[in-house]
Amino acid sequence: MTTWSVPGMPAEGRCLVMGVVNVTPDSFSDGGQWFDPVTAVRHGLELVEQGADIVDVGGESTRPGAARVSLEEELARVEPVIRELSREGVTVSVDTMRAEVAQAAVAAGAKLVNDVSGGLADPAMPRVVAASGVPYVVMHWRGHSHAMNSRAVYGDVVTEVREELSKRVSSVLAEGVADNQIVLDPGLGFSKNPEHNWALLAGLDQLAELGYPMIIGASRKRFLGRLLADPDGAPRPFSRSDDATLAVTALVAQAGAWCVRVHDVRPNADAVRVAAAVQGARA
C-alpha cells in the first residue's frame, strides 16, 4: 500500500478521513442541519473529536438537479465557518467550483481546495490554486447537477474516467499547479449510474496508475441506497446507508486510497485504522 504525502495535510501513515460540513439548506443527505454558521462550526469540531483528519466545508449543493447559488451567497455561507474552524486548529478544506470562493477560503485558513468540477466550471480555478500552493482535488466531472445524469454514458467507464482525469491533470499542470498539489477523485455519483460506480471502485488500481493520491466520496450516495433497497424496490434512505459506506471505506483504504470523504466519521475513522493494521501485518 502506498502511503501518500500531500503538502499541508496530516501525515498519519494511513488513509485519512475527511468529514463533511454542508452549510446548505438542500444537500442530499443532511441539507439544513448545519446551515447556521455557529451550528456548522460546532459540527466541524465534533467531527474532529470523532476522528476526522480534515473537515470539508461546502456552501453549494451538488446533488443531482440542484440549482447553483450566487457567488455572494456561497461566500457568506462558507467563509465564517472556515475562518472559525481554522482558528480552532482544524485542517479545513473548501468544497467549491468557484475560483473566488477558493481564494477567499484559503485566505480564511483553508488548506485544500476540493473542486468537484476539476477546474472545468471556472477556468480561473487552476491559476488560483497554483498561486495558493494548497493541495487541489481534481474530480472527474462532465457537467453541472442539472445535466450530469444525461451524461452518464460510457463504453468502458474505468478507461474513460482514467483518460478524462489524465487530460484534466495535464490541463491544470499547464496552468501552473504543481504536481505534488494534485489529488484525484473518480467522482462517484457524478455523471455515473450505479454500475459505473461499482466498476470504478473495482478498478481503483487502474486509476491509481495515474500516479496521484486519490480521495473517494461514496458516503450516503444513491447507489448504496439502491443496492440496499427494500423487497418492494424502495431505496434505503441516505441516513441508513452508513454501514454500506463503512464497507466501502474499509475496501478503498486497503486498496490504497489517500482519503475518504464521509458524513458519519467515527466508524469510518475506526475502519481506516483496521485497514492500516491489516496492511501493516502484511508488510
Protein backbone atom coordinates (compact mmCIF):
# COMPACT_ATOMS: atom_id res chain seq x y z
CA MET A 1 0.00 0.00 0.00
CA THR A 2 1.33 3.43 -0.95
CA THR A 3 1.48 5.99 1.84
CA TRP A 4 0.90 9.34 0.18
CA SER A 5 2.38 12.60 1.38
CA VAL A 6 0.28 15.63 0.44
CA PRO A 7 1.69 19.07 1.38
CA GLY A 8 -0.09 20.72 4.28
CA MET A 9 -2.21 17.66 5.06
CA PRO A 10 -1.93 15.36 8.09
CA ALA A 11 0.60 12.57 7.67
CA GLU A 12 -0.88 9.63 9.58
CA GLY A 13 0.58 6.75 7.59
CA ARG A 14 -2.94 5.52 6.73
CA CYS A 15 -5.98 6.54 4.72
CA LEU A 16 -7.24 9.90 6.01
CA VAL A 17 -10.83 10.70 6.93
CA MET A 18 -12.49 13.87 5.65
CA GLY A 19 -15.67 14.82 7.49
CA VAL A 20 -18.39 16.74 5.66
CA VAL A 21 -19.95 20.01 6.80
CA ASN A 22 -22.62 21.10 4.34
CA VAL A 23 -23.51 24.74 5.02
CA THR A 24 -26.52 24.40 2.74
CA PRO A 25 -30.30 24.05 3.03
CA ASP A 26 -30.55 21.42 0.29
CA SER A 27 -27.67 18.92 0.31
CA PHE A 28 -28.85 15.41 -0.44
CA SER A 29 -28.22 13.71 2.91
CA ASP A 30 -28.20 16.40 5.59
CA GLY A 31 -29.42 19.62 3.97
CA GLY A 32 -30.24 22.29 6.53
CA GLN A 33 -28.79 20.57 9.59
CA TRP A 34 -25.65 22.72 9.65
CA PHE A 35 -26.89 25.77 7.74
CA ASP A 36 -26.37 28.16 10.65
CA PRO A 37 -22.66 29.13 10.90
CA VAL A 38 -22.49 28.57 14.66
CA THR A 39 -24.03 25.12 14.28
CA ALA A 40 -21.74 24.35 11.35
CA VAL A 41 -18.63 25.24 13.36
CA ARG A 42 -19.83 23.15 16.30
CA HIS A 43 -20.45 20.22 13.99
CA GLY A 44 -17.00 20.58 12.43
CA LEU A 45 -15.38 20.45 15.86
CA GLU A 46 -17.48 17.38 16.72
CA LEU A 47 -16.24 15.66 13.58
CA VAL A 48 -12.64 16.27 14.66
CA GLU A 49 -13.41 14.79 18.07
CA GLN A 50 -14.84 11.75 16.30
CA GLY A 51 -11.64 11.24 14.30
CA ALA A 52 -11.81 13.46 11.22
CA ASP A 53 -8.37 14.44 9.92
CA ILE A 54 -9.84 17.08 7.58
CA VAL A 55 -13.15 18.95 7.67
CA ASP A 56 -14.64 19.74 4.26
CA VAL A 57 -16.84 22.86 4.23
CA GLY A 58 -19.18 23.42 1.30
CA GLY A 59 -21.77 26.09 0.60
CA GLU A 60 -23.33 24.81 -2.62
CA SER A 61 -25.19 21.54 -3.04
CA THR A 62 -24.03 19.37 -5.94
CA ARG A 63 -26.81 16.79 -5.64
CA PRO A 64 -28.45 15.81 -8.95
CA GLY A 65 -30.79 18.55 -10.10
CA ALA A 66 -29.53 21.18 -7.66
CA ALA A 67 -29.61 24.83 -8.74
CA ARG A 68 -26.49 26.95 -8.31
CA VAL A 69 -26.33 29.66 -5.66
CA SER A 70 -24.80 33.07 -6.22
CA LEU A 71 -21.14 33.78 -5.54
CA GLU A 72 -22.13 36.15 -2.73
CA GLU A 73 -24.34 33.55 -1.06
CA GLU A 74 -21.70 30.83 -1.27
CA LEU A 75 -19.08 33.13 0.25
CA ALA A 76 -21.41 34.18 3.05
CA ARG A 77 -22.07 30.55 3.90
CA VAL A 78 -18.53 29.16 3.96
CA GLU A 79 -16.11 31.96 4.85
CA PRO A 80 -17.09 32.47 8.53
CA VAL A 81 -17.20 28.71 9.14
CA ILE A 82 -13.78 28.13 7.60
CA ARG A 83 -12.28 31.08 9.46
CA GLU A 84 -13.53 29.90 12.86
CA LEU A 85 -12.62 26.24 12.36
CA SER A 86 -9.15 27.27 11.22
CA ARG A 87 -8.74 29.40 14.34
CA GLU A 88 -9.51 26.26 16.33
CA GLY A 89 -6.63 24.46 14.63
CA VAL A 90 -8.75 22.30 12.32
CA THR A 91 -7.36 21.27 8.94
CA VAL A 92 -10.11 22.63 6.69
CA SER A 93 -10.84 22.07 3.02
CA VAL A 94 -13.29 24.07 0.93
CA ASP A 95 -15.70 22.30 -1.40
CA THR A 96 -16.25 24.77 -4.24
CA MET A 97 -16.22 25.12 -8.01
CA ARG A 98 -15.60 28.89 -7.93
CA ALA A 99 -12.12 30.40 -8.01
CA GLU A 100 -13.18 33.46 -6.00
CA VAL A 101 -14.60 31.28 -3.24
CA ALA A 102 -11.45 29.16 -3.21
CA GLN A 103 -9.27 32.26 -2.94
CA ALA A 104 -11.33 33.68 -0.07
CA ALA A 105 -11.41 30.31 1.67
CA VAL A 106 -7.63 29.93 1.54
CA ALA A 107 -7.28 33.47 2.91
CA ALA A 108 -9.63 32.42 5.74
CA GLY A 109 -7.45 29.39 6.52
CA ALA A 110 -8.49 26.54 4.21
CA LYS A 111 -5.61 24.16 3.47
CA LEU A 112 -7.10 22.29 0.50
CA VAL A 113 -9.43 23.11 -2.42
CA ASN A 114 -11.90 20.36 -3.28
CA ASP A 115 -13.28 21.15 -6.74
CA VAL A 116 -15.89 18.68 -7.98
CA SER A 117 -15.55 20.11 -11.49
CA GLY A 118 -11.80 19.56 -11.72
CA GLY A 119 -11.36 23.14 -12.96
CA LEU A 120 -13.96 22.90 -15.72
CA ALA A 121 -16.66 25.02 -14.06
CA ASP A 122 -14.36 28.02 -13.54
CA PRO A 123 -11.32 28.32 -15.83
CA ALA A 124 -9.64 30.61 -13.28
CA MET A 125 -9.58 27.92 -10.60
CA PRO A 126 -6.27 26.22 -11.52
CA ARG A 127 -4.42 29.56 -11.52
CA VAL A 128 -5.85 30.45 -8.11
CA VAL A 129 -4.82 27.07 -6.73
CA ALA A 130 -1.37 27.37 -8.29
CA ALA A 131 -0.84 30.74 -6.62
CA SER A 132 -2.08 29.48 -3.26
CA GLY A 133 0.13 26.39 -3.18
CA VAL A 134 -2.53 24.31 -1.40
CA PRO A 135 -3.47 20.79 -2.49
CA TYR A 136 -6.15 20.56 -5.16
CA VAL A 137 -8.70 17.77 -5.56
CA VAL A 138 -9.37 17.30 -9.27
CA MET A 139 -12.60 15.32 -9.65
CA HIS A 140 -13.94 13.60 -12.75
CA TRP A 141 -16.85 15.73 -13.92
CA ARG A 142 -18.96 16.02 -17.05
CA GLY A 143 -21.33 18.83 -16.18
CA HIS A 144 -23.38 20.68 -13.59
CA SER A 145 -26.01 18.98 -11.45
CA HIS A 146 -28.93 19.79 -13.73
CA ALA A 147 -27.32 17.95 -16.66
CA MET A 148 -24.97 15.35 -15.21
CA ASN A 149 -27.34 12.35 -15.25
CA SER A 150 -27.79 12.64 -19.01
CA ARG A 151 -24.02 12.41 -19.45
CA ALA A 152 -23.62 9.06 -17.67
CA VAL A 153 -22.81 7.27 -20.95
CA TYR A 154 -19.67 5.12 -21.17
CA GLY A 155 -18.32 2.26 -23.18
CA ASP A 156 -15.66 1.37 -20.59
CA VAL A 157 -16.15 3.62 -17.58
CA VAL A 158 -12.82 2.91 -15.90
CA THR A 159 -10.81 3.55 -19.06
CA GLU A 160 -12.77 6.69 -19.94
CA VAL A 161 -12.64 8.18 -16.46
CA ARG A 162 -8.92 7.49 -16.32
CA GLU A 163 -8.37 9.17 -19.69
CA GLU A 164 -10.50 12.19 -18.81
CA LEU A 165 -8.75 12.61 -15.44
CA SER A 166 -5.39 12.38 -17.18
CA LYS A 167 -6.43 15.20 -19.52
CA ARG A 168 -7.55 17.34 -16.59
CA VAL A 169 -4.23 16.75 -14.83
CA SER A 170 -2.34 17.87 -17.94
CA SER A 171 -4.54 20.96 -18.17
CA VAL A 172 -4.10 22.08 -14.55
CA LEU A 173 -0.36 21.41 -14.69
CA ALA A 174 -0.19 23.66 -17.75
CA GLU A 175 -1.90 26.38 -15.69
CA GLY A 176 0.84 26.24 -13.06
CA VAL A 177 -0.49 23.76 -10.49
CA ALA A 178 2.42 21.77 -9.08
CA ASP A 179 2.48 18.01 -9.48
CA ASN A 180 2.52 17.44 -5.72
CA GLN A 181 -0.60 19.58 -5.24
CA ILE A 182 -2.84 17.21 -7.18
CA VAL A 183 -5.26 14.73 -5.63
CA LEU A 184 -7.67 12.80 -7.87
CA ASP A 185 -11.31 11.85 -7.30
CA PRO A 186 -13.17 9.46 -9.65
CA GLY A 187 -16.41 11.34 -8.95
CA LEU A 188 -18.71 8.57 -7.76
CA GLY A 189 -22.30 9.56 -8.49
CA PHE A 190 -21.36 12.45 -10.77
CA SER A 191 -22.47 11.51 -14.28
CA LYS A 192 -22.32 7.90 -13.13
CA ASN A 193 -25.02 5.23 -12.86
CA PRO A 194 -24.77 2.63 -10.07
CA GLU A 195 -22.99 0.12 -12.32
CA HIS A 196 -20.43 2.80 -13.21
CA ASN A 197 -19.74 3.50 -9.53
CA TRP A 198 -19.20 -0.18 -8.74
CA ALA A 199 -16.91 -0.59 -11.75
CA LEU A 200 -14.82 2.40 -10.65
CA LEU A 201 -14.47 1.03 -7.13
CA ALA A 202 -13.40 -2.31 -8.56
CA GLY A 203 -10.96 -0.55 -10.89
CA LEU A 204 -9.20 1.76 -8.44
CA ASP A 205 -5.90 0.06 -9.19
CA GLN A 206 -6.16 1.23 -12.79
CA LEU A 207 -6.92 4.80 -11.73
CA ALA A 208 -4.02 4.67 -9.28
CA GLU A 209 -1.68 4.08 -12.23
CA LEU A 210 -2.04 7.80 -12.97
CA GLY A 211 0.35 8.25 -10.05
CA TYR A 212 -1.59 10.60 -7.76
CA PRO A 213 -3.19 10.24 -4.34
CA MET A 214 -6.89 9.53 -4.53
CA ILE A 215 -9.90 10.58 -2.46
CA ILE A 216 -13.11 8.53 -2.54
CA GLY A 217 -16.53 10.01 -1.78
CA ALA A 218 -19.12 7.23 -1.58
CA SER A 219 -20.80 8.30 1.65
CA ARG A 220 -24.61 8.03 1.60
CA LYS A 221 -24.75 8.16 -2.17
CA ARG A 222 -27.75 6.88 -4.10
CA PHE A 223 -26.05 3.80 -5.49
CA LEU A 224 -25.64 2.45 -1.96
CA GLY A 225 -29.30 3.03 -1.14
CA ARG A 226 -30.31 1.25 -4.34
CA LEU A 227 -28.10 -1.72 -3.53
CA LEU A 228 -29.82 -1.99 -0.13
CA ALA A 229 -33.36 -1.44 -1.44
CA ASP A 230 -36.33 -2.94 0.37
CA PRO A 231 -38.03 -6.02 -1.15
CA ASP A 232 -40.54 -3.70 -2.79
CA GLY A 233 -37.70 -1.86 -4.53
CA ALA A 234 -37.73 1.31 -2.41
CA PRO A 235 -34.12 2.56 -1.98
CA ARG A 236 -32.81 2.71 1.56
CA PRO A 237 -32.79 6.31 2.90
CA PHE A 238 -29.47 8.14 2.76
CA SER A 239 -29.04 8.21 6.53
CA ARG A 240 -29.44 4.41 6.73
CA SER A 241 -26.67 3.61 4.26
CA ASP A 242 -23.82 4.42 6.65
CA ASP A 243 -22.98 0.74 7.18
CA ALA A 244 -22.53 0.32 3.43
CA THR A 245 -20.37 3.45 3.39
CA LEU A 246 -18.25 1.86 6.10
CA ALA A 247 -17.72 -1.23 3.94
CA VAL A 248 -16.59 0.94 1.03
CA THR A 249 -14.22 2.83 3.32
CA ALA A 250 -12.56 -0.36 4.53
CA LEU A 251 -12.17 -1.67 0.98
CA VAL A 252 -10.74 1.51 -0.55
CA ALA A 253 -8.47 2.16 2.42
CA GLN A 254 -7.00 -1.30 1.97
CA ALA A 255 -6.71 -0.61 -1.78
CA GLY A 256 -4.51 2.43 -1.06
CA ALA A 257 -6.85 5.42 -1.14
CA TRP A 258 -5.31 8.56 0.34
CA CYS A 259 -8.56 9.78 1.90
CA VAL A 260 -12.27 9.01 2.25
CA ARG A 261 -14.93 11.73 2.43
CA VAL A 262 -17.72 10.74 4.82
CA HIS A 263 -20.65 12.05 6.85
CA ASP A 264 -20.55 9.63 9.81
CA VAL A 265 -16.95 10.00 10.94
CA ARG A 266 -16.39 7.80 13.99
CA PRO A 267 -16.96 4.33 12.45
CA ASN A 268 -15.09 5.29 9.29
CA ALA A 269 -12.16 6.51 11.39
CA ASP A 270 -12.16 3.07 13.01
CA ALA A 271 -12.32 1.36 9.62
CA VAL A 272 -9.26 3.08 8.18
CA ARG A 273 -7.27 2.10 11.28
CA VAL A 274 -8.34 -1.52 10.88
CA ALA A 275 -7.31 -1.44 7.21
CA ALA A 276 -3.94 0.05 8.17
CA ALA A 277 -3.40 -2.64 10.80
CA VAL A 278 -4.07 -5.39 8.25
CA GLN A 279 -1.72 -3.79 5.75
CA GLY A 280 0.91 -3.37 8.43
CA ALA A 281 0.70 -7.04 9.34
CA ARG A 282 1.32 -7.96 5.70
CA ALA A 283 4.38 -5.73 5.37
